[in-house]
């Protein structure tokens, strides 16, 4: 045991496998013209290429207790880091143009250029790829810059690490002018790009502008009645269980309308890459900030500003697309669902939940009028949806679909209990009501799913 401990502490004295891949990494970054990376963010490796168990070097009384779940997560993360070192030269992935990207993903608010090149496309021409024109970088990546479409020459700003990938007619004109004035001498192509898209005649642009203004003022406090509410804590756990049972590959997940990103940390534990976007820049920034504050997670993430009717993600890139209460906010749910089907892989899964237009909906509306639990800015015709509508829209997009309903008591009842008891009560009432032929379709929330192939039920 003593010799083993000595080898762990003396790995810096000899050039073991860990130091060899580290030198290779520095050389690759140097050839790509990138600054030397800070290896302190990576776990050290010993002579055998293993990750040292830092707990073994602490006094026994300093070792924090942990359960079997925590131990399993630590082992999984260690395996993923070793896997990356073996395949990608200790966290360095050489891109198609010779760039090197850091694949050891500390959970930080970064504009991940590797994700942008691999998955994002221009929402105007639906092609791409993008050329990244940096204005300012730091040790965590791109801070300010431009994403320019190589096909139509449209450009999209990246400001404070957040890309704005909206169609021309939805962009924040005032913020765009301020960005141009700030960096006018850094790029000569400000006048390039395609003409703005025609303004839709169905009124959807007016709705989107109203929502963007509403959430601009509400982003910082939007979750005040949601994140800490026992009802939403309980339901989020049930919804995440449904995602885990859906059978989607654990590759790329796209969250449509990510809001403030309250689900993102849990999703990043289950999926390799998370792409989250929202129509509201304020909400997307809040999601990015909250994700950054969660510590290191196994998955990497990129948040950006985009429209559900023009998703700037290449076709077939997503293993799972998530709608967490979003369809009631869009003017044309069928269009948003068709766009999501476009970006799904051949065996991809689409999952979501929405307000159910049940016979008990007026009771909920009355309780919300008496005691508002949270604020909303949904599109009035679609404040609540029916399962038949969802199945029809998904079927028209070429998917087999199914749904079921949950939550058979008002949220106000669950909010009277601690989160753990609220969850137990929700699971009990769901299981009981699901056995009653008519009642089982009258839950307050719809859980729906769709696949490109075969039929899948939400279990």
Protein backbone atom coordinates (compact mmCIF):
# COMPACT_ATOMS: atom_id res chain seq x y z
CA UNK A 1 0.00 0.00 0.00
CA UNK A 2 2.85 2.38 0.84
CA UNK A 3 4.46 1.83 -2.56
CA UNK A 4 1.13 2.49 -4.25
CA UNK A 5 0.69 5.75 -2.38
CA UNK A 6 4.26 6.75 -3.23
CA UNK A 7 3.61 6.16 -6.93
CA UNK A 8 0.51 8.33 -6.77
CA UNK A 9 2.36 11.25 -5.24
CA UNK A 10 5.41 11.00 -7.50
CA UNK A 11 3.64 10.91 -10.86
CA UNK A 12 5.13 14.35 -11.66
CA UNK A 13 8.72 13.04 -11.45
CA UNK A 14 8.55 10.72 -14.43
CA UNK A 15 6.88 10.98 -17.81
CA UNK A 16 4.02 8.57 -17.39
CA UNK A 17 1.08 8.17 -19.78
CA UNK A 18 -0.71 11.13 -18.20
CA UNK A 19 2.16 13.51 -18.91
CA UNK A 20 2.62 12.17 -22.43
CA UNK A 21 -0.98 12.93 -23.44
CA UNK A 22 -0.71 16.30 -21.71
CA UNK A 23 2.33 17.18 -23.85
CA UNK A 24 0.49 15.96 -26.95
CA UNK A 25 -2.43 18.17 -26.00
CA UNK A 26 -0.22 21.27 -25.67
CA UNK A 27 1.38 20.54 -29.02
CA UNK A 28 -2.00 20.19 -30.77
CA UNK A 29 -3.25 23.44 -29.30
CA UNK A 30 -0.04 25.19 -30.33
CA UNK A 31 -0.37 23.95 -33.92
CA UNK A 32 -3.99 25.19 -34.01
CA UNK A 33 -2.90 28.65 -32.88
CA UNK A 34 -4.74 28.44 -29.56
CA UNK A 35 -3.34 29.56 -26.21
CA UNK A 36 -2.01 26.90 -23.86
CA UNK A 37 -4.80 25.30 -21.88
CA UNK A 38 -4.96 25.28 -18.11
CA UNK A 39 -4.40 21.67 -17.12
CA UNK A 40 -5.36 22.46 -13.55
CA UNK A 41 -9.01 21.97 -14.50
CA UNK A 42 -8.38 18.35 -15.41
CA UNK A 43 -7.99 15.51 -13.02
CA UNK A 44 -4.36 14.38 -12.65
CA UNK A 45 -3.47 10.87 -13.69
CA UNK A 46 -0.91 8.54 -12.20
CA UNK A 47 1.64 6.40 -14.04
CA UNK A 48 -0.96 3.81 -14.94
CA UNK A 49 -3.30 6.45 -16.45
CA UNK A 50 -5.75 6.15 -13.55
CA UNK A 51 -7.49 9.00 -11.77
CA UNK A 52 -6.18 9.17 -8.20
CA UNK A 53 -8.72 8.78 -5.43
CA UNK A 54 -8.28 12.11 -3.67
CA UNK A 55 -10.36 10.89 -0.74
CA UNK A 56 -7.65 8.37 0.05
CA UNK A 57 -5.23 11.20 0.93
CA UNK A 58 -7.54 12.90 3.42
CA UNK A 59 -7.71 12.14 7.13
CA UNK A 60 -10.53 9.75 7.92
CA UNK A 61 -12.44 12.37 9.87
CA UNK A 62 -12.44 14.74 6.85
CA UNK A 63 -14.01 12.25 4.47
CA UNK A 64 -17.64 13.24 3.88
CA UNK A 65 -20.09 10.35 3.95
CA UNK A 66 -21.87 9.56 0.70
CA UNK A 67 -24.51 7.07 -0.40
CA UNK A 68 -24.34 4.42 -3.08
CA UNK A 69 -25.94 6.74 -5.64
CA UNK A 70 -23.18 9.30 -5.20
CA UNK A 71 -20.54 6.57 -5.46
CA UNK A 72 -22.08 5.29 -8.70
CA UNK A 73 -22.12 8.79 -10.16
CA UNK A 74 -18.46 9.32 -9.26
CA UNK A 75 -17.48 6.04 -10.87
CA UNK A 76 -19.46 6.94 -14.01
CA UNK A 77 -17.80 10.33 -14.25
CA UNK A 78 -14.35 8.79 -13.79
CA UNK A 79 -15.08 6.30 -16.57
CA UNK A 80 -16.21 9.10 -18.88
CA UNK A 81 -13.06 11.13 -18.22
CA UNK A 82 -10.81 8.13 -18.84
CA UNK A 83 -12.77 7.33 -22.00
CA UNK A 84 -12.25 10.89 -23.27
CA UNK A 85 -8.50 10.75 -22.54
CA UNK A 86 -8.13 7.45 -24.35
CA UNK A 87 -10.05 8.51 -27.46
CA UNK A 88 -9.48 12.24 -27.61
CA UNK A 89 -5.93 12.73 -26.28
CA UNK A 90 -6.84 13.77 -22.77
CA UNK A 91 -9.70 16.07 -23.58
CA UNK A 92 -8.59 17.45 -26.94
CA UNK A 93 -10.74 16.86 -30.00
CA UNK A 94 -9.33 17.95 -33.36
CA UNK A 95 -12.09 19.66 -35.36
CA UNK A 96 -12.62 19.56 -39.14
CA UNK A 97 -10.42 22.64 -39.60
CA UNK A 98 -7.71 21.60 -37.20
CA UNK A 99 -9.05 23.39 -34.12
CA UNK A 100 -8.69 21.72 -30.77
CA UNK A 101 -11.52 21.74 -28.28
CA UNK A 102 -11.43 21.05 -24.58
CA UNK A 103 -13.60 17.99 -23.92
CA UNK A 104 -13.19 18.04 -20.12
CA UNK A 105 -16.36 19.98 -19.47
CA UNK A 106 -16.32 22.04 -16.30
CA UNK A 107 -19.85 23.33 -15.87
CA UNK A 108 -19.30 26.93 -16.94
CA UNK A 109 -21.18 29.54 -18.95
CA UNK A 110 -19.24 29.15 -22.19
CA UNK A 111 -20.04 29.49 -25.87
CA UNK A 112 -18.82 26.02 -26.79
CA UNK A 113 -17.42 26.45 -30.31
CA UNK A 114 -17.22 22.69 -30.84
CA UNK A 115 -20.98 22.34 -30.25
CA UNK A 116 -21.72 25.35 -32.44
CA UNK A 117 -19.77 23.93 -35.39
CA UNK A 118 -21.22 20.46 -34.98
CA UNK A 119 -24.92 21.16 -34.44
CA UNK A 120 -25.99 24.74 -35.24
CA UNK A 121 -27.20 25.99 -38.61
CA UNK A 122 -28.46 29.29 -39.97
CA UNK A 123 -32.18 29.80 -39.24
CA UNK A 124 -32.55 31.93 -42.38
CA UNK A 125 -31.31 29.51 -45.06
CA UNK A 126 -31.27 26.25 -43.01
CA UNK A 127 -27.82 25.29 -44.25
CA UNK A 128 -24.58 26.58 -42.80
CA UNK A 129 -22.06 25.85 -41.45
CA UNK A 130 -21.05 28.90 -39.45
CA UNK A 131 -17.73 30.68 -39.49
CA UNK A 132 -16.89 31.96 -36.01
CA UNK A 133 -15.45 35.49 -36.00
CA UNK A 134 -14.12 36.21 -32.50
CA UNK A 135 -14.03 39.70 -31.01
CA UNK A 136 -13.03 38.68 -27.50
CA UNK A 137 -11.97 35.41 -25.91
CA UNK A 138 -10.81 34.38 -22.48
CA UNK A 139 -9.59 31.15 -20.92
CA UNK A 140 -13.16 29.74 -20.98
CA UNK A 141 -13.82 30.39 -24.66
CA UNK A 142 -15.62 32.91 -26.84
CA UNK A 143 -17.04 35.95 -25.02
CA UNK A 144 -18.08 38.25 -27.91
CA UNK A 145 -18.13 37.55 -31.60
CA UNK A 146 -20.09 36.76 -34.74
CA UNK A 147 -21.48 33.55 -36.22
CA UNK A 148 -21.57 34.08 -39.99
CA UNK A 149 -23.40 31.68 -42.29
CA UNK A 150 -21.12 30.52 -45.09
CA UNK A 151 -24.10 30.06 -47.44
CA UNK A 152 -26.29 33.19 -47.18
CA UNK A 153 -23.74 35.43 -45.39
CA UNK A 154 -26.19 36.25 -42.58
CA UNK A 155 -24.51 37.02 -39.29
CA UNK A 156 -25.62 36.45 -35.70
CA UNK A 157 -24.16 38.07 -32.63
CA UNK A 158 -22.59 36.24 -29.71
CA UNK A 159 -22.72 38.62 -26.76
CA UNK A 160 -21.50 37.71 -23.29
CA UNK A 161 -21.16 34.06 -24.44
CA UNK A 162 -24.82 33.77 -25.58
CA UNK A 163 -25.56 33.31 -29.32
CA UNK A 164 -28.68 34.98 -30.75
CA UNK A 165 -29.99 32.81 -33.59
CA UNK A 166 -33.35 34.42 -34.30
CA UNK A 167 -34.86 35.14 -37.72
CA UNK A 168 -34.17 38.69 -38.87
CA UNK A 169 -37.63 40.04 -38.05
CA UNK A 170 -37.46 38.82 -34.43
CA UNK A 171 -34.06 40.19 -33.52
CA UNK A 172 -33.64 42.84 -30.84
CA UNK A 173 -32.83 45.78 -33.11
CA UNK A 174 -31.69 48.12 -30.34
CA UNK A 175 -29.36 45.54 -28.83
CA UNK A 176 -28.03 44.68 -32.28
CA UNK A 177 -27.21 48.33 -33.03
CA UNK A 178 -25.46 48.71 -29.69
CA UNK A 179 -23.43 45.56 -30.41
CA UNK A 180 -22.42 46.87 -33.84
CA UNK A 181 -21.40 50.23 -32.39
CA UNK A 182 -19.34 48.53 -29.72
CA UNK A 183 -17.37 46.37 -32.17
CA UNK A 184 -17.70 48.39 -35.39
CA UNK A 185 -13.93 48.44 -35.95
CA UNK A 186 -13.45 44.71 -35.36
CA UNK A 187 -15.23 43.48 -38.50
CA UNK A 188 -15.92 44.87 -41.96
CA UNK A 189 -18.90 42.68 -42.83
CA UNK A 190 -21.68 44.38 -40.87
CA UNK A 191 -23.61 45.22 -44.03
CA UNK A 192 -23.55 41.63 -45.35
CA UNK A 193 -26.35 39.13 -44.99
CA UNK A 194 -29.66 38.21 -46.56
CA UNK A 195 -32.72 40.43 -46.50
CA UNK A 196 -35.02 40.17 -43.47
CA UNK A 197 -37.63 37.47 -43.68
CA UNK A 198 -41.16 38.69 -44.50
CA UNK A 199 -43.29 39.47 -41.47
CA UNK A 200 -45.83 36.65 -40.91
CA UNK A 201 -49.43 37.66 -41.54
CA UNK A 202 -50.92 35.32 -38.91
CA UNK A 203 -50.14 37.53 -35.93
CA UNK A 204 -47.46 35.22 -34.53
CA UNK A 205 -44.80 37.93 -34.68
CA UNK A 206 -46.91 40.21 -32.46
CA UNK A 207 -47.39 37.39 -29.96
CA UNK A 208 -43.67 36.61 -29.92
CA UNK A 209 -42.76 40.27 -29.40
CA UNK A 210 -45.18 40.45 -26.45
CA UNK A 211 -43.72 37.32 -24.91
CA UNK A 212 -40.16 38.54 -25.33
CA UNK A 213 -41.04 41.76 -23.53
CA UNK A 214 -42.97 39.91 -20.80
CA UNK A 215 -40.14 37.51 -20.02
CA UNK A 216 -37.54 40.27 -20.24
CA UNK A 217 -39.09 41.73 -17.09
CA UNK A 218 -39.97 38.41 -15.44
CA UNK A 219 -36.85 36.29 -16.03
CA UNK A 220 -35.18 37.00 -12.70
CA UNK A 221 -38.24 36.13 -10.64
CA UNK A 222 -40.20 33.85 -12.97
CA UNK A 223 -39.46 30.71 -10.98
CA UNK A 224 -40.33 32.25 -7.61
CA UNK A 225 -43.56 30.26 -7.47
CA UNK A 226 -42.29 27.25 -9.42
CA UNK A 227 -38.79 26.07 -8.53
CA UNK A 228 -39.35 25.90 -4.78
CA UNK A 229 -43.02 24.86 -4.93
CA UNK A 230 -43.62 21.29 -3.68
CA UNK A 231 -45.98 20.67 -6.60
CA UNK A 232 -43.36 21.40 -9.27
CA UNK A 233 -40.58 19.63 -7.37
CA UNK A 234 -42.75 16.51 -7.24
CA UNK A 235 -43.90 16.71 -10.85
CA UNK A 236 -40.39 17.38 -12.18
CA UNK A 237 -39.24 14.16 -10.53
CA UNK A 238 -42.06 12.22 -12.19
CA UNK A 239 -41.33 13.84 -15.55
CA UNK A 240 -37.62 13.04 -15.33
CA UNK A 241 -38.54 9.43 -14.52
CA UNK A 242 -40.64 9.36 -17.72
CA UNK A 243 -37.69 10.70 -19.71
CA UNK A 244 -35.48 7.98 -18.27
CA UNK A 245 -37.95 5.26 -19.28
CA UNK A 246 -38.51 6.59 -22.79
CA UNK A 247 -35.58 4.66 -24.23
CA UNK A 248 -33.87 7.58 -25.96
CA UNK A 249 -30.17 7.33 -26.70
CA UNK A 250 -28.04 9.29 -24.23
CA UNK A 251 -26.43 11.45 -26.88
CA UNK A 252 -27.94 14.83 -27.79
CA UNK A 253 -30.99 16.36 -26.15
CA UNK A 254 -32.61 19.56 -27.44
CA UNK A 255 -34.81 21.39 -24.94
CA UNK A 256 -37.28 23.63 -26.77
CA UNK A 257 -38.19 26.67 -24.68
CA UNK A 258 -35.71 25.96 -21.89
CA UNK A 259 -36.94 28.94 -19.84
CA UNK A 260 -34.78 29.49 -16.78
CA UNK A 261 -33.24 26.04 -17.17
CA UNK A 262 -34.51 24.41 -14.01
CA UNK A 263 -34.33 20.93 -15.61
CA UNK A 264 -30.96 21.44 -17.31
CA UNK A 265 -28.64 20.16 -14.52
CA UNK A 266 -30.54 16.87 -14.23
CA UNK A 267 -30.71 16.49 -18.01
CA UNK A 268 -26.95 17.09 -18.30
CA UNK A 269 -26.41 14.13 -15.97
CA UNK A 270 -28.31 11.84 -18.34
CA UNK A 271 -27.30 13.11 -21.80
CA UNK A 272 -23.90 13.70 -23.38
CA UNK A 273 -24.83 17.05 -24.98
CA UNK A 274 -27.62 19.45 -24.04
CA UNK A 275 -28.83 22.17 -26.43
CA UNK A 276 -31.26 24.51 -24.71
CA UNK A 277 -32.85 27.55 -26.30
CA UNK A 278 -35.56 30.07 -25.60
CA UNK A 279 -37.24 32.86 -27.52
CA UNK A 280 -36.45 35.25 -24.68
CA UNK A 281 -32.82 36.33 -24.38
CA UNK A 282 -33.38 37.19 -20.73
CA UNK A 283 -34.63 33.67 -19.98
CA UNK A 284 -31.79 32.02 -21.91
CA UNK A 285 -29.25 34.11 -19.98
CA UNK A 286 -30.86 33.09 -16.71
CA UNK A 287 -30.68 29.42 -17.76
CA UNK A 288 -27.01 29.82 -18.66
CA UNK A 289 -26.27 31.53 -15.33
CA UNK A 290 -28.04 28.86 -13.29
CA UNK A 291 -26.36 26.04 -15.18
CA UNK A 292 -22.99 27.63 -14.53
CA UNK A 293 -23.66 27.68 -10.78
CA UNK A 294 -24.32 23.93 -10.53
CA UNK A 295 -20.72 22.69 -10.50
CA UNK A 296 -19.14 20.12 -12.80
CA UNK A 297 -21.61 17.80 -14.58
CA UNK A 298 -20.96 14.84 -16.90
CA UNK A 299 -22.60 16.44 -19.93
CA UNK A 300 -21.75 19.57 -21.89
CA UNK A 301 -24.36 22.23 -22.68
CA UNK A 302 -24.96 25.19 -24.96
CA UNK A 303 -27.73 27.72 -24.41
CA UNK A 304 -28.81 30.12 -27.14
CA UNK A 305 -31.68 32.35 -28.25
CA UNK A 306 -33.91 30.89 -30.98
CA UNK A 307 -37.48 30.49 -32.19
CA UNK A 308 -39.33 27.17 -32.01
CA UNK A 309 -40.67 27.75 -35.53
CA UNK A 310 -37.10 28.09 -36.91
CA UNK A 311 -34.90 25.79 -34.83
CA UNK A 312 -31.23 26.44 -35.79
CA UNK A 313 -30.13 22.82 -35.34
CA UNK A 314 -29.13 20.56 -38.22
CA UNK A 315 -31.55 17.85 -39.26
CA UNK A 316 -31.27 14.47 -37.57
CA UNK A 317 -28.94 15.72 -34.85
CA UNK A 318 -31.08 15.10 -31.75
CA UNK A 319 -31.67 11.81 -29.96
CA UNK A 320 -34.36 13.43 -27.82
CA UNK A 321 -36.41 16.64 -28.12
CA UNK A 322 -38.11 17.98 -25.02
CA UNK A 323 -41.16 20.26 -24.67
CA UNK A 324 -41.64 21.06 -20.98
CA UNK A 325 -44.87 23.07 -21.01
CA UNK A 326 -43.95 25.06 -24.13
CA UNK A 327 -46.64 24.35 -26.75
CA UNK A 328 -49.21 26.47 -24.92
CA UNK A 329 -46.90 29.46 -25.52
CA UNK A 330 -46.61 29.17 -29.30
CA UNK A 331 -49.04 30.43 -31.91
CA UNK A 332 -48.74 27.38 -34.18
CA UNK A 333 -47.94 24.21 -32.19
CA UNK A 334 -48.11 22.06 -35.33
CA UNK A 335 -45.27 24.08 -36.91
CA UNK A 336 -43.10 23.84 -33.78
CA UNK A 337 -43.66 20.08 -33.58
CA UNK A 338 -42.84 19.63 -37.27
CA UNK A 339 -39.58 21.55 -36.76
CA UNK A 340 -38.72 19.29 -33.82
CA UNK A 341 -39.36 16.19 -35.90
CA UNK A 342 -36.97 17.56 -38.54
CA UNK A 343 -34.06 17.70 -36.07
CA UNK A 344 -34.76 14.26 -34.58
CA UNK A 345 -32.58 11.31 -35.49
CA UNK A 346 -34.23 8.39 -37.25
CA UNK A 347 -34.92 6.60 -33.96
CA UNK A 348 -35.24 9.76 -31.89
CA UNK A 349 -37.83 10.40 -29.19
CA UNK A 350 -39.98 13.47 -28.62
CA UNK A 351 -41.35 14.02 -25.10
CA UNK A 352 -43.27 16.75 -23.36
CA UNK A 353 -46.02 17.83 -21.03
CA UNK A 354 -48.80 20.38 -21.43
CA UNK A 355 -51.92 21.66 -19.68
CA UNK A 356 -54.81 19.31 -20.34
CA UNK A 357 -58.15 20.68 -21.53
CA UNK A 358 -60.05 18.48 -19.06
CA UNK A 359 -63.56 19.01 -17.70
CA UNK A 360 -61.95 20.08 -14.42
CA UNK A 361 -59.91 22.90 -15.98
CA UNK A 362 -62.43 25.60 -14.90
CA UNK A 363 -61.87 24.55 -11.27
CA UNK A 364 -58.14 25.09 -11.66
CA UNK A 365 -58.71 28.46 -13.34
CA UNK A 366 -60.91 29.51 -10.42
CA UNK A 367 -58.30 28.53 -7.86
CA UNK A 368 -55.63 30.40 -9.79
CA UNK A 369 -57.87 33.47 -9.83
CA UNK A 370 -58.27 33.24 -6.05
CA UNK A 371 -54.61 32.46 -5.36
CA UNK A 372 -52.16 32.76 -8.26
CA UNK A 373 -49.35 30.25 -7.80
CA UNK A 374 -47.28 31.41 -10.78
CA UNK A 375 -47.46 33.86 -13.69
CA UNK A 376 -47.77 32.90 -17.34
CA UNK A 377 -47.90 34.45 -20.80
CA UNK A 378 -49.40 31.65 -22.82
CA UNK A 379 -51.13 32.01 -26.17
CA UNK A 380 -54.85 32.23 -25.27
CA UNK A 381 -56.22 29.74 -27.83
CA UNK A 382 -53.73 27.13 -26.63
CA UNK A 383 -53.70 27.71 -22.89
CA UNK A 384 -54.78 24.09 -22.54
CA UNK A 385 -54.48 21.35 -25.17
CA UNK A 386 -56.24 18.07 -25.77
CA UNK A 387 -54.56 14.73 -26.28
CA UNK A 388 -56.34 14.34 -29.61
CA UNK A 389 -54.81 17.59 -30.88
CA UNK A 390 -51.31 16.48 -29.88
CA UNK A 391 -51.68 13.07 -31.51
CA UNK A 392 -53.01 14.73 -34.67
CA UNK A 393 -50.17 17.24 -34.91
CA UNK A 394 -47.51 14.59 -34.33
CA UNK A 395 -49.18 12.22 -36.78
CA UNK A 396 -49.18 14.92 -39.45
CA UNK A 397 -45.44 15.34 -38.85
CA UNK A 398 -44.87 11.63 -39.50
CA UNK A 399 -44.65 10.32 -35.95
CA UNK A 400 -46.49 7.69 -33.97
CA UNK A 401 -47.72 9.31 -30.76
CA UNK A 402 -49.32 8.47 -27.44
CA UNK A 403 -50.29 10.34 -24.31
CA UNK A 404 -51.63 9.97 -20.81
CA UNK A 405 -52.69 12.41 -18.11
CA UNK A 406 -51.36 13.02 -14.61
CA UNK A 407 -52.06 15.25 -11.56
CA UNK A 408 -55.61 14.69 -10.37
CA UNK A 409 -55.58 17.17 -7.50
CA UNK A 410 -55.12 20.96 -7.68
CA UNK A 411 -51.51 22.15 -7.31
CA UNK A 412 -52.60 24.15 -4.25
CA UNK A 413 -53.18 20.87 -2.39
CA UNK A 414 -49.66 19.58 -3.11
CA UNK A 415 -48.17 22.91 -2.06
CA UNK A 416 -49.50 22.37 1.46
CA UNK A 417 -47.13 19.40 1.89
CA UNK A 418 -43.34 18.97 2.00
CA UNK A 419 -41.90 17.98 -1.41
CA UNK A 420 -41.33 14.33 -0.49
CA UNK A 421 -44.91 13.87 0.72
CA UNK A 422 -46.24 15.80 -2.26
CA UNK A 423 -44.41 13.38 -4.54
CA UNK A 424 -45.81 10.33 -2.76
CA UNK A 425 -49.32 11.77 -2.92
CA UNK A 426 -48.94 12.55 -6.62
CA UNK A 427 -47.71 9.06 -7.41
CA UNK A 428 -50.54 7.49 -5.41
CA UNK A 429 -53.31 9.59 -7.00
CA UNK A 430 -51.85 9.04 -10.49
CA UNK A 431 -51.75 5.28 -9.99
CA UNK A 432 -55.28 5.22 -8.59
CA UNK A 433 -56.86 7.46 -11.22
CA UNK A 434 -55.15 5.62 -14.09
CA UNK A 435 -57.31 2.59 -13.30
CA UNK A 436 -60.59 4.49 -13.72
CA UNK A 437 -61.78 4.50 -17.37
CA UNK A 438 -63.08 8.08 -17.65
CA UNK A 439 -61.13 9.78 -14.87
CA UNK A 440 -57.76 8.70 -16.25
CA UNK A 441 -58.15 11.17 -19.17
CA UNK A 442 -59.04 14.12 -16.91
CA UNK A 443 -55.70 14.82 -15.21
CA UNK A 444 -54.43 18.36 -15.12
CA UNK A 445 -51.33 17.69 -17.24
CA UNK A 446 -50.76 15.74 -20.46
CA UNK A 447 -47.62 13.67 -20.87
CA UNK A 448 -47.08 12.96 -24.56
CA UNK A 449 -44.47 11.20 -26.63
CA UNK A 450 -43.69 10.42 -30.23
CA UNK A 451 -41.29 8.34 -32.27
CA UNK A 452 -40.35 8.21 -35.91
CA UNK A 453 -40.65 4.43 -35.91
CA UNK A 454 -43.14 2.15 -34.17
CA UNK A 455 -45.39 3.15 -31.32
CA UNK A 456 -44.33 4.18 -27.87
CA UNK A 457 -46.43 4.87 -24.82
CA UNK A 458 -45.37 7.15 -22.00
CA UNK A 459 -44.90 4.75 -19.08
